[in-house]
Amino acid sequence: MPYSLLVWDAWYAYQNGDATKMQNCLQESLKCTPFSKTETLMNWLESFAKFSSETEHQLDTYALTNSAEWKKLMRRAVAVKPVRTMVY
């Protein structure tokens, strides 16, 4: 599924009170994003704001970014993978 459609589905789920589906869609979008991780996170917020303004829905960014699902997603998205060291 294309990145932009996953972000749209995430926003739609969020607007309908399904934070778990929102989280899952955004997590899946990480696999096909054309952006860096930081740019992707910013793009999600910008996209949510754009979709909200186009549909006249209010976006409460404070509630969104402080939700348990968003925080869990942020931990996953910015997690640093351990570097394997070679032992000689």
PDB file of N, CA and C in Angstrom:
ATOM      1  N   MET A   1       0.852  -1.169   0.000  1.00  0.00           N
ATOM      2  CA  MET A   1       0.000   0.000   0.000  1.00  0.00           C
ATOM      3  C   MET A   1       0.901   1.236   0.000  1.00  0.00           C
ATOM      4  N   PRO A   2       0.595   2.233  -0.795  1.00  0.00           N
ATOM      5  CA  PRO A   2       1.432   3.442  -0.845  1.00  0.00           C
ATOM      6  C   PRO A   2       1.454   4.201   0.486  1.00  0.00           C
ATOM      7  N   TYR A   3       2.571   4.840   0.720  1.00  0.00           N
ATOM      8  CA  TYR A   3       2.787   5.617   1.947  1.00  0.00           C
ATOM      9  C   TYR A   3       1.643   6.596   2.209  1.00  0.00           C
ATOM     10  N   SER A   4       1.290   7.405   1.211  1.00  0.00           N
ATOM     11  CA  SER A   4       0.286   8.452   1.424  1.00  0.00           C
ATOM     12  C   SER A   4      -1.078   7.867   1.790  1.00  0.00           C
ATOM     13  N   LEU A   5      -1.414   6.714   1.239  1.00  0.00           N
ATOM     14  CA  LEU A   5      -2.684   6.079   1.574  1.00  0.00           C
ATOM     15  C   LEU A   5      -2.677   5.548   3.005  1.00  0.00           C
ATOM     16  N   LEU A   6      -1.545   5.033   3.440  1.00  0.00           N
ATOM     17  CA  LEU A   6      -1.425   4.570   4.825  1.00  0.00           C
ATOM     18  C   LEU A   6      -1.578   5.729   5.809  1.00  0.00           C
ATOM     19  N   VAL A   7      -1.002   6.881   5.474  1.00  0.00           N
ATOM     20  CA  VAL A   7      -1.120   8.055   6.344  1.00  0.00           C
ATOM     21  C   VAL A   7      -2.571   8.535   6.366  1.00  0.00           C
ATOM     22  N   TRP A   8      -3.224   8.539   5.204  1.00  0.00           N
ATOM     23  CA  TRP A   8      -4.641   8.912   5.144  1.00  0.00           C
ATOM     24  C   TRP A   8      -5.474   7.959   5.998  1.00  0.00           C
ATOM     25  N   ASP A   9      -5.245   6.655   5.862  1.00  0.00           N
ATOM     26  CA  ASP A   9      -5.979   5.671   6.655  1.00  0.00           C
ATOM     27  C   ASP A   9      -5.736   5.870   8.148  1.00  0.00           C
ATOM     28  N   ALA A  10      -4.513   6.233   8.505  1.00  0.00           N
ATOM     29  CA  ALA A  10      -4.182   6.498   9.908  1.00  0.00           C
ATOM     30  C   ALA A  10      -4.966   7.688  10.427  1.00  0.00           C
ATOM     31  N   TRP A  11      -5.004   8.744   9.636  1.00  0.00           N
ATOM     32  CA  TRP A  11      -5.754   9.936  10.059  1.00  0.00           C
ATOM     33  C   TRP A  11      -7.235   9.612  10.186  1.00  0.00           C
ATOM     34  N   TYR A  12      -7.781   8.889   9.225  1.00  0.00           N
ATOM     35  CA  TYR A  12      -9.194   8.534   9.249  1.00  0.00           C
ATOM     36  C   TYR A  12      -9.517   7.699  10.489  1.00  0.00           C
ATOM     37  N   ALA A  13      -8.640   6.760  10.792  1.00  0.00           N
ATOM     38  CA  ALA A  13      -8.832   5.938  11.993  1.00  0.00           C
ATOM     39  C   ALA A  13      -8.795   6.809  13.244  1.00  0.00           C
ATOM     40  N   TYR A  14      -7.839   7.734  13.295  1.00  0.00           N
ATOM     41  CA  TYR A  14      -7.734   8.619  14.452  1.00  0.00           C
ATOM     42  C   TYR A  14      -8.999   9.462  14.612  1.00  0.00           C
ATOM     43  N   GLN A  15      -9.501  10.003  13.517  1.00  0.00           N
ATOM     44  CA  GLN A  15     -10.711  10.830  13.576  1.00  0.00           C
ATOM     45  C   GLN A  15     -11.924  10.034  14.031  1.00  0.00           C
ATOM     46  N   ASN A  16     -11.882   8.727  13.803  1.00  0.00           N
ATOM     47  CA  ASN A  16     -12.987   7.864  14.206  1.00  0.00           C
ATOM     48  C   ASN A  16     -12.744   7.181  15.545  1.00  0.00           C
ATOM     49  N   GLY A  17     -11.714   7.636  16.253  1.00  0.00           N
ATOM     50  CA  GLY A  17     -11.470   7.135  17.600  1.00  0.00           C
ATOM     51  C   GLY A  17     -10.746   5.800  17.673  1.00  0.00           C
ATOM     52  N   ASP A  18     -10.173   5.356  16.569  1.00  0.00           N
ATOM     53  CA  ASP A  18      -9.474   4.067  16.551  1.00  0.00           C
ATOM     54  C   ASP A  18      -7.964   4.316  16.565  1.00  0.00           C
ATOM     55  N   ALA A  19      -7.445   4.633  17.736  1.00  0.00           N
ATOM     56  CA  ALA A  19      -6.026   4.969  17.873  1.00  0.00           C
ATOM     57  C   ALA A  19      -5.127   3.778  17.577  1.00  0.00           C
ATOM     58  N   THR A  20      -5.608   2.572  17.843  1.00  0.00           N
ATOM     59  CA  THR A  20      -4.803   1.381  17.564  1.00  0.00           C
ATOM     60  C   THR A  20      -4.607   1.210  16.058  1.00  0.00           C
ATOM     61  N   LYS A  21      -5.672   1.387  15.288  1.00  0.00           N
ATOM     62  CA  LYS A  21      -5.545   1.290  13.832  1.00  0.00           C
ATOM     63  C   LYS A  21      -4.654   2.410  13.303  1.00  0.00           C
ATOM     64  N   MET A  22      -4.784   3.607  13.870  1.00  0.00           N
ATOM     65  CA  MET A  22      -3.926   4.722  13.475  1.00  0.00           C
ATOM     66  C   MET A  22      -2.467   4.333  13.669  1.00  0.00           C
ATOM     67  N   GLN A  23      -2.170   3.802  14.827  1.00  0.00           N
ATOM     68  CA  GLN A  23      -0.807   3.398  15.152  1.00  0.00           C
ATOM     69  C   GLN A  23      -0.314   2.340  14.166  1.00  0.00           C
ATOM     70  N   ASN A  24      -1.144   1.352  13.877  1.00  0.00           N
ATOM     71  CA  ASN A  24      -0.756   0.288  12.954  1.00  0.00           C
ATOM     72  C   ASN A  24      -0.496   0.814  11.546  1.00  0.00           C
ATOM     73  N   CYS A  25      -1.338   1.711  11.067  1.00  0.00           N
ATOM     74  CA  CYS A  25      -1.150   2.284   9.726  1.00  0.00           C
ATOM     75  C   CYS A  25       0.138   3.103   9.656  1.00  0.00           C
ATOM     76  N   LEU A  26       0.393   3.909  10.672  1.00  0.00           N
ATOM     77  CA  LEU A  26       1.616   4.714  10.664  1.00  0.00           C
ATOM     78  C   LEU A  26       2.847   3.823  10.787  1.00  0.00           C
ATOM     79  N   GLN A  27       2.760   2.778  11.599  1.00  0.00           N
ATOM     80  CA  GLN A  27       3.873   1.833  11.723  1.00  0.00           C
ATOM     81  C   GLN A  27       4.162   1.199  10.362  1.00  0.00           C
ATOM     82  N   GLU A  28       3.121   0.814   9.664  1.00  0.00           N
ATOM     83  CA  GLU A  28       3.278   0.200   8.343  1.00  0.00           C
ATOM     84  C   GLU A  28       3.855   1.206   7.346  1.00  0.00           C
ATOM     85  N   SER A  29       3.482   2.476   7.485  1.00  0.00           N
ATOM     86  CA  SER A  29       3.985   3.499   6.553  1.00  0.00           C
ATOM     87  C   SER A  29       5.493   3.700   6.686  1.00  0.00           C
ATOM     88  N   LEU A  30       6.043   3.344   7.838  1.00  0.00           N
ATOM     89  CA  LEU A  30       7.495   3.459   8.019  1.00  0.00           C
ATOM     90  C   LEU A  30       8.256   2.555   7.046  1.00  0.00           C
ATOM     91  N   LYS A  31       7.607   1.488   6.610  1.00  0.00           N
ATOM     92  CA  LYS A  31       8.264   0.540   5.704  1.00  0.00           C
ATOM     93  C   LYS A  31       8.377   1.069   4.277  1.00  0.00           C
ATOM     94  N   CYS A  32       7.571   2.071   3.940  1.00  0.00           N
ATOM     95  CA  CYS A  32       7.568   2.544   2.558  1.00  0.00           C
ATOM     96  C   CYS A  32       7.701   4.066   2.448  1.00  0.00           C
ATOM     97  N   THR A  33       8.147   4.696   3.501  1.00  0.00           N
ATOM     98  CA  THR A  33       8.273   6.150   3.481  1.00  0.00           C
ATOM     99  C   THR A  33       9.429   6.608   2.592  1.00  0.00           C
ATOM    100  N   PRO A  34       9.228   7.698   1.871  1.00  0.00           N
ATOM    101  CA  PRO A  34      10.329   8.245   1.070  1.00  0.00           C
ATOM    102  C   PRO A  34      11.220   9.185   1.886  1.00  0.00           C
ATOM    103  N   PHE A  35      10.920   9.346   3.166  1.00  0.00           N
ATOM    104  CA  PHE A  35      11.603  10.318   4.016  1.00  0.00           C
ATOM    105  C   PHE A  35      12.471   9.638   5.074  1.00  0.00           C
ATOM    106  N   SER A  36      13.338  10.443   5.696  1.00  0.00           N
ATOM    107  CA  SER A  36      14.073   9.962   6.861  1.00  0.00           C
ATOM    108  C   SER A  36      13.070   9.792   7.998  1.00  0.00           C
ATOM    109  N   LYS A  37      13.486   9.167   9.088  1.00  0.00           N
ATOM    110  CA  LYS A  37      12.575   8.966  10.220  1.00  0.00           C
ATOM    111  C   LYS A  37      12.051  10.288  10.760  1.00  0.00           C
ATOM    112  N   THR A  38      12.942  11.238  10.940  1.00  0.00           N
ATOM    113  CA  THR A  38      12.525  12.544  11.461  1.00  0.00           C
ATOM    114  C   THR A  38      11.565  13.238  10.503  1.00  0.00           C
ATOM    115  N   GLU A  39      11.889  13.207   9.217  1.00  0.00           N
ATOM    116  CA  GLU A  39      11.010  13.820   8.220  1.00  0.00           C
ATOM    117  C   GLU A  39       9.659  13.109   8.173  1.00  0.00           C
ATOM    118  N   THR A  40       9.671  11.800   8.365  1.00  0.00           N
ATOM    119  CA  THR A  40       8.425  11.036   8.360  1.00  0.00           C
ATOM    120  C   THR A  40       7.526  11.460   9.509  1.00  0.00           C
ATOM    121  N   LEU A  41       8.091  11.591  10.696  1.00  0.00           N
ATOM    122  CA  LEU A  41       7.294  12.003  11.864  1.00  0.00           C
ATOM    123  C   LEU A  41       6.685  13.382  11.637  1.00  0.00           C
ATOM    124  N   MET A  42       7.465  14.289  11.086  1.00  0.00           N
ATOM    125  CA  MET A  42       6.955  15.630  10.788  1.00  0.00           C
ATOM    126  C   MET A  42       5.886  15.561   9.695  1.00  0.00           C
ATOM    127  N   ASN A  43       6.097  14.706   8.705  1.00  0.00           N
ATOM    128  CA  ASN A  43       5.130  14.566   7.631  1.00  0.00           C
ATOM    129  C   ASN A  43       3.798  14.036   8.146  1.00  0.00           C
ATOM    130  N   TRP A  44       3.844  13.107   9.097  1.00  0.00           N
ATOM    131  CA  TRP A  44       2.594  12.604   9.670  1.00  0.00           C
ATOM    132  C   TRP A  44       1.792  13.739  10.282  1.00  0.00           C
ATOM    133  N   LEU A  45       2.442  14.572  11.074  1.00  0.00           N
ATOM    134  CA  LEU A  45       1.733  15.686  11.718  1.00  0.00           C
ATOM    135  C   LEU A  45       1.227  16.691  10.688  1.00  0.00           C
ATOM    136  N   GLU A  46       2.071  17.007   9.713  1.00  0.00           N
ATOM    137  CA  GLU A  46       1.658  17.940   8.660  1.00  0.00           C
ATOM    138  C   GLU A  46       0.482  17.370   7.864  1.00  0.00           C
ATOM    139  N   SER A  47       0.539  16.091   7.567  1.00  0.00           N
ATOM    140  CA  SER A  47      -0.544  15.451   6.821  1.00  0.00           C
ATOM    141  C   SER A  47      -1.834  15.446   7.621  1.00  0.00           C
ATOM    142  N   PHE A  48      -1.749  15.118   8.903  1.00  0.00           N
ATOM    143  CA  PHE A  48      -2.941  15.131   9.748  1.00  0.00           C
ATOM    144  C   PHE A  48      -3.550  16.540   9.784  1.00  0.00           C
ATOM    145  N   ALA A  49      -2.717  17.550   9.893  1.00  0.00           N
ATOM    146  CA  ALA A  49      -3.205  18.929   9.906  1.00  0.00           C
ATOM    147  C   ALA A  49      -3.881  19.276   8.579  1.00  0.00           C
ATOM    148  N   LYS A  50      -3.255  18.866   7.489  1.00  0.00           N
ATOM    149  CA  LYS A  50      -3.815  19.138   6.150  1.00  0.00           C
ATOM    150  C   LYS A  50      -5.146  18.426   5.972  1.00  0.00           C
ATOM    151  N   PHE A  51      -5.199  17.137   6.303  1.00  0.00           N
ATOM    152  CA  PHE A  51      -6.443  16.379   6.158  1.00  0.00           C
ATOM    153  C   PHE A  51      -7.545  16.974   7.025  1.00  0.00           C
ATOM    154  N   SER A  52      -7.186  17.403   8.219  1.00  0.00           N
ATOM    155  CA  SER A  52      -8.174  18.001   9.113  1.00  0.00           C
ATOM    156  C   SER A  52      -8.747  19.284   8.532  1.00  0.00           C
ATOM    157  N   SER A  53      -7.877  20.130   7.983  1.00  0.00           N
ATOM    158  CA  SER A  53      -8.355  21.397   7.427  1.00  0.00           C
ATOM    159  C   SER A  53      -9.209  21.173   6.177  1.00  0.00           C
ATOM    160  N   GLU A  54      -8.885  20.148   5.412  1.00  0.00           N
ATOM    161  CA  GLU A  54      -9.656  19.851   4.202  1.00  0.00           C
ATOM    162  C   GLU A  54     -11.037  19.297   4.516  1.00  0.00           C
ATOM    163  N   THR A  55     -11.182  18.669   5.658  1.00  0.00           N
ATOM    164  CA  THR A  55     -12.456  18.053   6.021  1.00  0.00           C
ATOM    165  C   THR A  55     -13.162  18.789   7.158  1.00  0.00           C
ATOM    166  N   GLU A  56     -12.591  19.890   7.570  1.00  0.00           N
ATOM    167  CA  GLU A  56     -13.157  20.721   8.635  1.00  0.00           C
ATOM    168  C   GLU A  56     -13.261  20.006   9.976  1.00  0.00           C
ATOM    169  N   HIS A  57     -12.378  19.045  10.215  1.00  0.00           N
ATOM    170  CA  HIS A  57     -12.286  18.394  11.517  1.00  0.00           C
ATOM    171  C   HIS A  57     -11.208  19.110  12.323  1.00  0.00           C
ATOM    172  N   GLN A  58     -11.424  19.194  13.603  1.00  0.00           N
ATOM    173  CA  GLN A  58     -10.426  19.777  14.491  1.00  0.00           C
ATOM    174  C   GLN A  58      -9.342  18.748  14.773  1.00  0.00           C
ATOM    175  N   LEU A  59      -8.097  19.186  14.739  1.00  0.00           N
ATOM    176  CA  LEU A  59      -6.987  18.311  15.104  1.00  0.00           C
ATOM    177  C   LEU A  59      -6.395  18.829  16.405  1.00  0.00           C
ATOM    178  N   ASP A  60      -6.455  18.013  17.419  1.00  0.00           N
ATOM    179  CA  ASP A  60      -5.872  18.340  18.710  1.00  0.00           C
ATOM    180  C   ASP A  60      -4.497  17.684  18.761  1.00  0.00           C
ATOM    181  N   THR A  61      -3.474  18.416  18.338  1.00  0.00           N
ATOM    182  CA  THR A  61      -2.130  17.835  18.273  1.00  0.00           C
ATOM    183  C   THR A  61      -1.615  17.474  19.659  1.00  0.00           C
ATOM    184  N   TYR A  62      -2.039  18.205  20.666  1.00  0.00           N
ATOM    185  CA  TYR A  62      -1.623  17.881  22.029  1.00  0.00           C
ATOM    186  C   TYR A  62      -2.153  16.501  22.425  1.00  0.00           C
ATOM    187  N   ALA A  63      -3.437  16.278  22.204  1.00  0.00           N
ATOM    188  CA  ALA A  63      -4.035  14.979  22.547  1.00  0.00           C
ATOM    189  C   ALA A  63      -3.422  13.864  21.706  1.00  0.00           C
ATOM    190  N   LEU A  64      -3.191  14.146  20.428  1.00  0.00           N
ATOM    191  CA  LEU A  64      -2.601  13.141  19.546  1.00  0.00           C
ATOM    192  C   LEU A  64      -1.210  12.741  20.019  1.00  0.00           C
ATOM    193  N   THR A  65      -0.345  13.720  20.207  1.00  0.00           N
ATOM    194  CA  THR A  65       1.057  13.422  20.534  1.00  0.00           C
ATOM    195  C   THR A  65       1.248  12.950  21.973  1.00  0.00           C
ATOM    196  N   ASN A  66       0.227  13.100  22.790  1.00  0.00           N
ATOM    197  CA  ASN A  66       0.314  12.603  24.161  1.00  0.00           C
ATOM    198  C   ASN A  66      -0.459  11.309  24.381  1.00  0.00           C
ATOM    199  N   SER A  67      -1.021  10.774  23.307  1.00  0.00           N
ATOM    200  CA  SER A  67      -1.746   9.503  23.439  1.00  0.00           C
ATOM    201  C   SER A  67      -0.741   8.366  23.608  1.00  0.00           C
ATOM    202  N   ALA A  68      -1.178   7.323  24.275  1.00  0.00           N
ATOM    203  CA  ALA A  68      -0.309   6.160  24.502  1.00  0.00           C
ATOM    204  C   ALA A  68       0.126   5.538  23.179  1.00  0.00           C
ATOM    205  N   GLU A  69      -0.787   5.497  22.207  1.00  0.00           N
ATOM    206  CA  GLU A  69      -0.470   4.893  20.915  1.00  0.00           C
ATOM    207  C   GLU A  69       0.599   5.691  20.174  1.00  0.00           C
ATOM    208  N   TRP A  70       0.492   7.016  20.203  1.00  0.00           N
ATOM    209  CA  TRP A  70       1.484   7.866  19.535  1.00  0.00           C
ATOM    210  C   TRP A  70       2.852   7.714  20.197  1.00  0.00           C
ATOM    211  N   LYS A  71       2.857   7.720  21.527  1.00  0.00           N
ATOM    212  CA  LYS A  71       4.128   7.584  22.252  1.00  0.00           C
ATOM    213  C   LYS A  71       4.789   6.241  21.960  1.00  0.00           C
ATOM    214  N   LYS A  72       3.997   5.193  21.903  1.00  0.00           N
ATOM    215  CA  LYS A  72       4.536   3.871  21.587  1.00  0.00           C
ATOM    216  C   LYS A  72       5.106   3.861  20.165  1.00  0.00           C
ATOM    217  N   LEU A  73       4.399   4.482  19.262  1.00  0.00           N
ATOM    218  CA  LEU A  73       4.855   4.579  17.878  1.00  0.00           C
ATOM    219  C   LEU A  73       6.159   5.361  17.786  1.00  0.00           C
ATOM    220  N   MET A  74       6.275   6.435  18.546  1.00  0.00           N
ATOM    221  CA  MET A  74       7.503   7.234  18.539  1.00  0.00           C
ATOM    222  C   MET A  74       8.682   6.427  19.058  1.00  0.00           C
ATOM    223  N   ARG A  75       8.452   5.657  20.110  1.00  0.00           N
ATOM    224  CA  ARG A  75       9.537   4.815  20.635  1.00  0.00           C
ATOM    225  C   ARG A  75      10.015   3.821  19.590  1.00  0.00           C
ATOM    226  N   ARG A  76       9.081   3.230  18.869  1.00  0.00           N
ATOM    227  CA  ARG A  76       9.443   2.277  17.818  1.00  0.00           C
ATOM    228  C   ARG A  76      10.141   2.964  16.652  1.00  0.00           C
ATOM    229  N   ALA A  77       9.629   4.121  16.274  1.00  0.00           N
ATOM    230  CA  ALA A  77      10.144   4.811  15.089  1.00  0.00           C
ATOM    231  C   ALA A  77      11.557   5.329  15.284  1.00  0.00           C
ATOM    232  N   VAL A  78      11.862   5.790  16.480  1.00  0.00           N
ATOM    233  CA  VAL A  78      13.175   6.398  16.698  1.00  0.00           C
ATOM    234  C   VAL A  78      14.134   5.484  17.455  1.00  0.00           C
ATOM    235  N   ALA A  79      13.718   4.262  17.685  1.00  0.00           N
ATOM    236  CA  ALA A  79      14.587   3.319  18.397  1.00  0.00           C
ATOM    237  C   ALA A  79      15.878   3.117  17.629  1.00  0.00           C
ATOM    238  N   VAL A  80      16.953   3.142  18.356  1.00  0.00           N
ATOM    239  CA  VAL A  80      18.265   2.912  17.762  1.00  0.00           C
ATOM    240  C   VAL A  80      18.548   1.423  17.854  1.00  0.00           C
ATOM    241  N   LYS A  81      18.832   0.848  16.711  1.00  0.00           N
ATOM    242  CA  LYS A  81      19.139  -0.577  16.698  1.00  0.00           C
ATOM    243  C   LYS A  81      20.558  -0.774  17.207  1.00  0.00           C
ATOM    244  N   PRO A  82      20.758  -1.793  18.033  1.00  0.00           N
ATOM    245  CA  PRO A  82      22.100  -2.020  18.577  1.00  0.00           C
ATOM    246  C   PRO A  82      23.092  -2.356  17.458  1.00  0.00           C
ATOM    247  N   VAL A  83      24.274  -1.868  17.625  1.00  0.00           N
ATOM    248  CA  VAL A  83      25.348  -2.136  16.665  1.00  0.00           C
ATOM    249  C   VAL A  83      26.050  -3.404  17.093  1.00  0.00           C
ATOM    250  N   ARG A  84      26.213  -4.303  16.172  1.00  0.00           N
ATOM    251  CA  ARG A  84      26.902  -5.545  16.488  1.00  0.00           C
ATOM    252  C   ARG A  84      28.404  -5.291  16.409  1.00  0.00           C
ATOM    253  N   THR A  85      29.070  -5.692  17.425  1.00  0.00           N
ATOM    254  CA  THR A  85      30.521  -5.527  17.432  1.00  0.00           C
ATOM    255  C   THR A  85      31.183  -6.841  17.098  1.00  0.00           C
ATOM    256  N   MET A  86      32.279  -6.720  16.449  1.00  0.00           N
ATOM    257  CA  MET A  86      33.025  -7.925  16.083  1.00  0.00           C
ATOM    258  C   MET A  86      34.106  -8.159  17.135  1.00  0.00           C
ATOM    259  N   VAL A  87      34.199  -9.378  17.557  1.00  0.00           N
ATOM    260  CA  VAL A  87      35.201  -9.741  18.542  1.00  0.00           C
ATOM    261  C   VAL A  87      36.345 -10.432  17.789  1.00  0.00           C
ATOM    262  N   TYR A  88      37.535  -9.939  18.006  1.00  0.00           N
ATOM    263  CA  TYR A  88      38.708 -10.512  17.338  1.00  0.00           C
ATOM    264  C   TYR A  88      39.485 -11.371  18.280  1.00  0.00           C
TER     265      TYR A  88
END
